[in-house]
Amino acid sequence: MAAGLSNSAVHIYNLDSGAGKLENFSYLPPTDSPQSVSICGVRFLDEGPHNILVGTTDGYVRLYDLRLRGEQARFKYTQHPNVPPVPKSLSCFDRNANGRIICCGTEQFHSNAFLVFFDVRERQQMGVYFESHEDDITSLRFHAQNPDLLATGSVDGLVNVFDVKEPDEDEALLNTFNTESSVARLAWHRNVYDKDIISCVTTTGDFKSYECEEGDEVASFERPDVTAAIRRKKAANFNLINAHNQEDGGVFLLAGTNFNKGEILRSVSVTSKNSLQPLANFQGNKQIVRDSLFDSKRSLLFTGGESGIVTVWAQDASGTAFSSEKLKARKEKKSRKQAPY
């Protein structure tokens, strides 16, 4: 598992000691920017444990092979004469399902916000979309199975779905949803009818989801709704973290509070368009959680937050409580003047 830190370090954790015995390490990406640089995304290139992509706000996405030293590739946009000026910084990125394409989102620049595409194998840029969003791109997610399907979200409140096979932006745009808020995080889901669903967590702590093809709203819960569902009273301290897929096709929301170091961490199941049901309680949480991953096959939840702790939560027999194990980066005894990879 890879975790990006606020100090621009990347920590790699080996969760299975029998799988290659990959050592934990801390890596600080190089930068040539005079400004403060932070990580805008960390993604494995494919299902294997070796190739990792690290995006930084100075405009680079770097590819590393954890078995080798140094960068394997570096992706940075080069200005094209037929495209408006693209900012040098990035706000987010993702790779598609087959690891062939990287898409990067930018902040608004000269009234445009850009989606920049790169070909991983050819190590070159492909094209740019810049007419579908009017403000900073805050989240983008490729579909987990369909390598051509991309969802993007922005401060402008729009969620756009593209077919990236199409070089023309108008032809590529399949659907647009207006959240009437500001998009913080997107996720793909699949319902019991095998339809693709795109969900959105907003910056105001609301949750919305839409049927991708038809455009119908599937569910909508405002901040007070989810606050009440996790059995809390004050929406001001509420923190909606993420939405995850369950093994049975359901969706659950992970939420907590910013009070008392985030000791309240709970999940609720989205049972219908207007109904949330309490699902699990994560006792012993010691930090305000800002990100999470869920392995539905093994029922493992991974959380990371403001105290620099990565926690693995395992479900107990009742299915309503989770026990935890904290992961820490092992410090190297041998000093290194250069980054190990």
Protein backbone atom coordinates (compact mmCIF):
# COMPACT_ATOMS: atom_id res chain seq x y z
CA MET A 1 0.00 0.00 0.00
CA ALA A 2 1.20 3.50 -0.83
CA ALA A 3 0.47 6.59 1.26
CA GLY A 4 1.25 10.19 0.33
CA LEU A 5 2.08 12.52 3.21
CA SER A 6 1.60 16.25 3.66
CA ASN A 7 5.40 16.74 3.71
CA SER A 8 5.58 15.28 0.17
CA ALA A 9 7.00 11.95 1.34
CA VAL A 10 5.60 8.65 0.07
CA HIS A 11 5.45 5.66 2.38
CA ILE A 12 5.15 2.13 1.00
CA TYR A 13 3.80 -0.58 3.30
CA ASN A 14 3.95 -4.33 2.70
CA LEU A 15 0.78 -5.78 4.21
CA ASP A 16 1.67 -9.36 3.40
CA SER A 17 5.12 -10.40 4.62
CA GLY A 18 5.10 -13.38 2.25
CA ALA A 19 4.55 -11.29 -0.89
CA GLY A 20 7.97 -10.18 -2.06
CA LYS A 21 9.03 -8.80 1.34
CA LEU A 22 9.00 -5.25 0.07
CA GLU A 23 10.62 -3.01 2.67
CA ASN A 24 8.91 0.09 3.98
CA PHE A 25 10.58 3.28 2.83
CA SER A 26 10.07 7.00 2.82
CA TYR A 27 10.68 8.80 -0.45
CA LEU A 28 10.73 12.53 -1.13
CA PRO A 29 10.18 13.37 -4.82
CA PRO A 30 12.66 15.88 -6.26
CA THR A 31 11.45 19.27 -7.43
CA ASP A 32 12.78 22.21 -9.39
CA SER A 33 10.02 24.55 -8.22
CA PRO A 34 10.84 27.51 -5.95
CA GLN A 35 7.36 27.20 -4.44
CA SER A 36 6.24 24.71 -1.81
CA VAL A 37 5.43 21.38 -3.48
CA SER A 38 2.98 18.78 -2.21
CA ILE A 39 1.68 15.44 -3.44
CA CYS A 40 -1.57 15.54 -5.41
CA GLY A 41 -1.93 11.77 -5.81
CA VAL A 42 -0.31 8.35 -5.44
CA ARG A 43 -1.44 5.40 -7.57
CA PHE A 44 -0.09 1.99 -8.47
CA LEU A 45 0.11 1.71 -12.25
CA ASP A 46 -1.49 -1.74 -12.30
CA GLU A 47 -2.52 -4.59 -10.01
CA GLY A 48 1.11 -5.49 -9.32
CA PRO A 49 3.14 -4.19 -6.36
CA HIS A 50 6.08 -2.71 -8.26
CA ASN A 51 5.11 0.25 -10.47
CA ILE A 52 3.90 3.39 -8.74
CA LEU A 53 2.87 6.84 -9.99
CA VAL A 54 3.45 9.92 -7.84
CA GLY A 55 1.91 13.25 -8.82
CA THR A 56 3.13 16.54 -7.40
CA THR A 57 1.70 20.03 -7.55
CA ASP A 58 4.70 21.34 -9.51
CA GLY A 59 3.24 19.68 -12.61
CA TYR A 60 4.95 16.28 -12.68
CA VAL A 61 3.69 12.71 -12.57
CA ARG A 62 6.62 10.37 -12.03
CA LEU A 63 6.68 6.62 -12.61
CA TYR A 64 8.86 4.46 -10.36
CA ASP A 65 9.66 0.76 -10.32
CA LEU A 66 10.19 -0.14 -6.67
CA ARG A 67 12.69 -2.84 -7.70
CA LEU A 68 14.99 -0.30 -9.40
CA ARG A 69 16.69 2.98 -8.62
CA GLY A 70 15.53 6.25 -10.08
CA GLU A 71 12.58 7.36 -12.18
CA GLN A 72 11.38 5.17 -15.02
CA ALA A 73 9.42 8.00 -16.66
CA ARG A 74 8.38 11.58 -16.04
CA PHE A 75 5.21 13.15 -17.44
CA LYS A 76 4.85 16.92 -17.71
CA TYR A 77 2.74 18.92 -20.12
CA THR A 78 4.45 20.78 -22.96
CA GLN A 79 2.48 23.74 -24.28
CA HIS A 80 0.75 23.22 -27.64
CA PRO A 81 0.16 26.24 -29.93
CA ASN A 82 -3.52 25.35 -30.52
CA VAL A 83 -4.36 25.08 -26.81
CA PRO A 84 -4.83 27.97 -24.32
CA PRO A 85 -2.03 28.34 -21.74
CA VAL A 86 -2.00 25.37 -19.37
CA PRO A 87 -0.87 26.01 -15.75
CA LYS A 88 2.33 24.36 -14.58
CA SER A 89 0.74 22.93 -11.43
CA LEU A 90 -1.50 19.86 -11.00
CA SER A 91 -4.37 19.34 -8.56
CA CYS A 92 -5.11 15.61 -9.09
CA PHE A 93 -4.50 12.67 -11.43
CA ASP A 94 -5.48 9.06 -12.11
CA ARG A 95 -4.52 6.21 -14.44
CA ASN A 96 -7.00 4.10 -16.40
CA ALA A 97 -7.89 0.44 -15.88
CA ASN A 98 -5.24 -1.01 -18.20
CA GLY A 99 -2.47 1.38 -17.13
CA ARG A 100 -2.12 2.89 -20.61
CA ILE A 101 -3.39 6.43 -19.95
CA ILE A 102 -2.77 9.04 -17.25
CA CYS A 103 -5.14 11.98 -16.88
CA CYS A 104 -4.18 15.04 -14.82
CA GLY A 105 -6.45 17.84 -13.59
CA THR A 106 -5.35 21.44 -13.10
CA GLU A 107 -6.48 24.49 -11.24
CA GLN A 108 -8.32 27.24 -13.07
CA PHE A 109 -5.98 29.31 -15.22
CA HIS A 110 -7.06 32.21 -17.43
CA SER A 111 -10.71 31.13 -17.01
CA ASN A 112 -9.95 27.53 -18.07
CA ALA A 113 -9.47 24.28 -16.17
CA PHE A 114 -7.63 21.52 -18.01
CA LEU A 115 -7.65 17.73 -18.27
CA VAL A 116 -4.29 16.66 -19.67
CA PHE A 117 -3.73 13.13 -21.04
CA PHE A 118 -0.51 11.12 -21.36
CA ASP A 119 0.30 7.80 -23.03
CA VAL A 120 2.21 5.70 -20.49
CA ARG A 121 3.83 3.28 -22.94
CA GLU A 122 4.83 5.91 -25.48
CA ARG A 123 5.92 8.30 -22.71
CA GLN A 124 4.25 11.26 -24.41
CA GLN A 125 1.29 13.61 -24.02
CA MET A 126 -1.87 12.85 -25.98
CA GLY A 127 -4.26 15.78 -25.79
CA VAL A 128 -6.20 18.22 -23.62
CA TYR A 129 -9.84 18.85 -22.66
CA PHE A 130 -10.50 22.39 -21.40
CA GLU A 131 -14.11 23.37 -22.18
CA SER A 132 -16.14 21.26 -19.74
CA HIS A 133 -15.14 22.75 -16.36
CA GLU A 134 -14.96 26.38 -15.32
CA ASP A 135 -13.05 26.05 -12.03
CA ASP A 136 -10.35 23.95 -10.32
CA ILE A 137 -10.46 20.20 -11.05
CA THR A 138 -10.62 18.59 -7.60
CA SER A 139 -11.14 14.89 -8.35
CA LEU A 140 -10.97 12.52 -11.31
CA ARG A 141 -11.49 8.77 -11.42
CA PHE A 142 -11.26 6.25 -14.23
CA HIS A 143 -13.70 3.35 -14.19
CA ALA A 144 -12.21 0.25 -12.55
CA GLN A 145 -13.03 -2.06 -15.50
CA ASN A 146 -13.69 0.17 -18.52
CA PRO A 147 -10.40 1.90 -19.44
CA ASP A 148 -12.18 4.52 -21.58
CA LEU A 149 -14.62 5.83 -18.96
CA LEU A 150 -13.52 8.85 -16.89
CA ALA A 151 -15.39 10.90 -14.27
CA THR A 152 -14.18 14.37 -13.29
CA GLY A 153 -15.32 16.79 -10.60
CA SER A 154 -14.64 20.46 -9.98
CA VAL A 155 -15.17 23.41 -7.67
CA ASP A 156 -17.78 24.51 -10.22
CA GLY A 157 -20.04 21.75 -8.86
CA LEU A 158 -20.14 19.73 -12.07
CA VAL A 159 -19.42 16.01 -12.41
CA ASN A 160 -18.59 15.11 -16.01
CA VAL A 161 -18.34 11.65 -17.54
CA PHE A 162 -16.12 11.21 -20.61
CA ASP A 163 -15.36 8.51 -23.16
CA VAL A 164 -11.65 9.20 -23.59
CA LYS A 165 -11.48 7.24 -26.85
CA GLU A 166 -12.86 10.39 -28.46
CA PRO A 167 -10.21 13.03 -29.25
CA ASP A 168 -12.89 15.72 -29.59
CA GLU A 169 -14.08 16.98 -26.20
CA ASP A 170 -17.69 17.54 -27.26
CA GLU A 171 -17.94 13.99 -28.59
CA ALA A 172 -16.22 12.57 -25.52
CA LEU A 173 -18.58 14.19 -23.00
CA LEU A 174 -21.27 11.60 -22.22
CA ASN A 175 -23.07 13.16 -19.28
CA THR A 176 -22.96 16.05 -16.81
CA PHE A 177 -24.38 16.22 -13.29
CA ASN A 178 -24.76 19.43 -11.30
CA THR A 179 -24.22 18.82 -7.58
CA GLU A 180 -25.03 22.47 -6.78
CA SER A 181 -22.02 22.41 -4.47
CA SER A 182 -18.26 21.92 -4.82
CA VAL A 183 -16.93 18.45 -5.61
CA ALA A 184 -14.36 17.00 -3.18
CA ARG A 185 -14.18 13.31 -4.06
CA LEU A 186 -15.60 10.94 -6.70
CA ALA A 187 -16.06 7.16 -6.73
CA TRP A 188 -17.46 4.52 -9.08
CA HIS A 189 -20.01 1.91 -7.98
CA ARG A 190 -22.18 -0.73 -9.64
CA ASN A 191 -25.76 -1.39 -8.51
CA VAL A 192 -27.73 -4.65 -8.37
CA TYR A 193 -28.90 -4.09 -11.96
CA ASP A 194 -25.28 -3.95 -13.16
CA LYS A 195 -25.53 -0.23 -13.88
CA ASP A 196 -22.61 2.13 -13.34
CA ILE A 197 -23.11 4.65 -10.54
CA ILE A 198 -20.92 7.67 -9.89
CA SER A 199 -20.89 9.12 -6.38
CA CYS A 200 -19.72 12.46 -5.06
CA VAL A 201 -18.67 13.72 -1.65
CA THR A 202 -18.90 17.51 -1.61
CA THR A 203 -16.73 19.98 0.26
CA THR A 204 -19.74 20.79 2.46
CA GLY A 205 -20.06 17.14 3.60
CA ASP A 206 -23.00 16.14 1.41
CA PHE A 207 -23.26 12.84 -0.51
CA LYS A 208 -24.81 12.44 -3.94
CA SER A 209 -24.86 9.61 -6.48
CA TYR A 210 -26.07 9.35 -10.06
CA GLU A 211 -26.82 6.63 -12.60
CA CYS A 212 -24.06 7.14 -15.12
CA GLU A 213 -25.87 6.45 -18.39
CA GLU A 214 -29.41 7.71 -17.74
CA GLY A 215 -28.39 10.57 -15.47
CA ASP A 216 -30.96 9.86 -12.75
CA GLU A 217 -30.16 10.81 -9.17
CA VAL A 218 -29.76 7.61 -7.13
CA ALA A 219 -29.23 9.06 -3.65
CA SER A 220 -28.78 12.43 -1.99
CA PHE A 221 -27.96 13.08 1.67
CA GLU A 222 -27.04 16.43 3.15
CA ARG A 223 -24.54 16.91 5.95
CA PRO A 224 -27.15 16.80 8.80
CA ASP A 225 -28.60 13.54 7.42
CA VAL A 226 -25.30 11.67 7.64
CA THR A 227 -24.49 13.30 10.98
CA ALA A 228 -27.71 11.92 12.45
CA ALA A 229 -27.08 8.49 10.89
CA ILE A 230 -23.76 8.12 12.77
CA ARG A 231 -25.63 9.11 15.96
CA ARG A 232 -24.07 12.55 16.39
CA LYS A 233 -25.86 15.84 17.01
CA LYS A 234 -23.51 18.61 15.87
CA ALA A 235 -23.12 18.78 12.10
CA ALA A 236 -20.43 21.44 12.53
CA ASN A 237 -17.96 18.82 13.80
CA PHE A 238 -18.96 16.24 11.19
CA ASN A 239 -16.48 14.90 8.63
CA LEU A 240 -17.67 12.81 5.65
CA ILE A 241 -14.58 10.94 4.52
CA ASN A 242 -15.40 8.57 1.67
CA ALA A 243 -17.85 6.19 -0.03
CA HIS A 244 -16.92 2.53 -0.54
CA ASN A 245 -18.25 -0.55 -2.34
CA GLN A 246 -19.29 -3.61 -0.37
CA GLU A 247 -18.89 -7.19 -1.60
CA ASP A 248 -22.66 -7.55 -2.09
CA GLY A 249 -22.83 -4.46 -4.32
CA GLY A 250 -23.98 -2.08 -1.61
CA VAL A 251 -22.38 1.25 -0.76
CA PHE A 252 -21.35 2.52 2.65
CA LEU A 253 -20.17 5.93 3.83
CA LEU A 254 -17.29 6.41 6.25
CA ALA A 255 -17.74 9.40 8.50
CA GLY A 256 -16.41 10.82 11.72
CA THR A 257 -15.97 13.99 13.73
CA ASN A 258 -13.26 16.58 14.12
CA PHE A 259 -13.89 16.64 17.88
CA ASN A 260 -11.47 15.15 20.44
CA LYS A 261 -8.88 14.02 17.85
CA GLY A 262 -11.50 12.29 15.74
CA GLU A 263 -12.24 9.49 18.20
CA ILE A 264 -15.67 8.98 16.63
CA LEU A 265 -15.32 7.00 13.39
CA ARG A 266 -18.35 5.14 12.05
CA SER A 267 -19.91 3.86 8.85
CA VAL A 268 -23.46 3.86 7.52
CA SER A 269 -25.00 1.84 4.72
CA VAL A 270 -26.88 3.53 1.87
CA THR A 271 -30.00 1.34 1.85
CA SER A 272 -32.19 3.45 -0.44
CA LYS A 273 -32.46 6.88 -2.02
CA ASN A 274 -33.58 8.41 1.27
CA SER A 275 -32.35 5.96 3.92
CA LEU A 276 -29.10 5.46 5.81
CA GLN A 277 -28.56 2.66 8.32
CA PRO A 278 -25.77 2.42 10.94
CA LEU A 279 -23.25 -0.19 9.86
CA ALA A 280 -20.07 -0.31 11.95
CA ASN A 281 -18.18 1.43 14.73
CA PHE A 282 -14.40 1.84 14.62
CA GLN A 283 -13.39 1.97 18.27
CA GLY A 284 -9.96 3.21 19.27
CA ASN A 285 -9.44 5.70 16.44
CA LYS A 286 -6.85 8.29 17.52
CA GLN A 287 -6.81 10.81 14.70
CA ILE A 288 -8.95 12.90 12.37
CA VAL A 289 -9.22 10.65 9.31
CA ARG A 290 -8.82 12.29 5.89
CA ASP A 291 -8.66 9.32 3.51
CA SER A 292 -9.61 5.64 3.34
CA LEU A 293 -9.47 2.50 1.21
CA PHE A 294 -11.66 -0.60 1.49
CA ASP A 295 -10.81 -4.16 0.44
CA SER A 296 -14.27 -5.70 0.11
CA LYS A 297 -12.98 -9.24 -0.50
CA ARG A 298 -11.10 -9.33 2.80
CA SER A 299 -13.33 -6.83 4.66
CA LEU A 300 -10.33 -4.65 5.50
CA LEU A 301 -10.58 -0.89 5.85
CA PHE A 302 -7.48 1.31 5.66
CA THR A 303 -7.53 4.83 7.08
CA GLY A 304 -4.99 7.65 7.13
CA GLY A 305 -5.20 11.00 8.80
CA GLU A 306 -3.76 14.09 10.38
CA SER A 307 -1.62 12.28 12.98
CA GLY A 308 0.36 10.43 10.30
CA ILE A 309 -1.08 7.03 11.24
CA VAL A 310 -2.14 4.38 8.71
CA THR A 311 -4.58 2.00 10.39
CA VAL A 312 -5.83 -1.38 9.12
CA TRP A 313 -9.29 -2.25 10.46
CA ALA A 314 -10.46 -5.89 10.44
CA GLN A 315 -14.11 -6.80 10.88
CA ASP A 316 -15.11 -8.88 13.91
CA ALA A 317 -17.55 -11.80 13.94
CA SER A 318 -20.57 -9.56 14.57
CA GLY A 319 -19.80 -7.44 11.52
CA THR A 320 -20.59 -4.21 13.41
CA ALA A 321 -17.20 -3.47 14.99
CA PHE A 322 -13.64 -3.38 13.71
CA SER A 323 -10.35 -4.04 15.46
CA SER A 324 -7.29 -2.09 14.37
CA GLU A 325 -3.58 -2.45 13.67
CA LYS A 326 -1.36 0.58 13.11
CA LEU A 327 1.31 0.64 10.40
CA LYS A 328 4.50 2.63 10.78
CA ALA A 329 7.29 3.21 8.29
CA ARG A 330 10.39 1.32 9.38
CA LYS A 331 13.40 3.60 9.72
CA GLU A 332 16.48 2.60 7.77
CA LYS A 333 19.52 1.96 9.97
CA LYS A 334 21.83 2.67 7.06
CA SER A 335 21.77 6.32 6.07
CA ARG A 336 21.27 7.17 2.43
CA LYS A 337 22.16 10.46 0.80
CA GLN A 338 19.95 9.64 -2.14
CA ALA A 339 16.39 8.36 -2.24
CA PRO A 340 16.35 4.54 -2.41
CA TYR A 341 14.21 4.42 -5.59
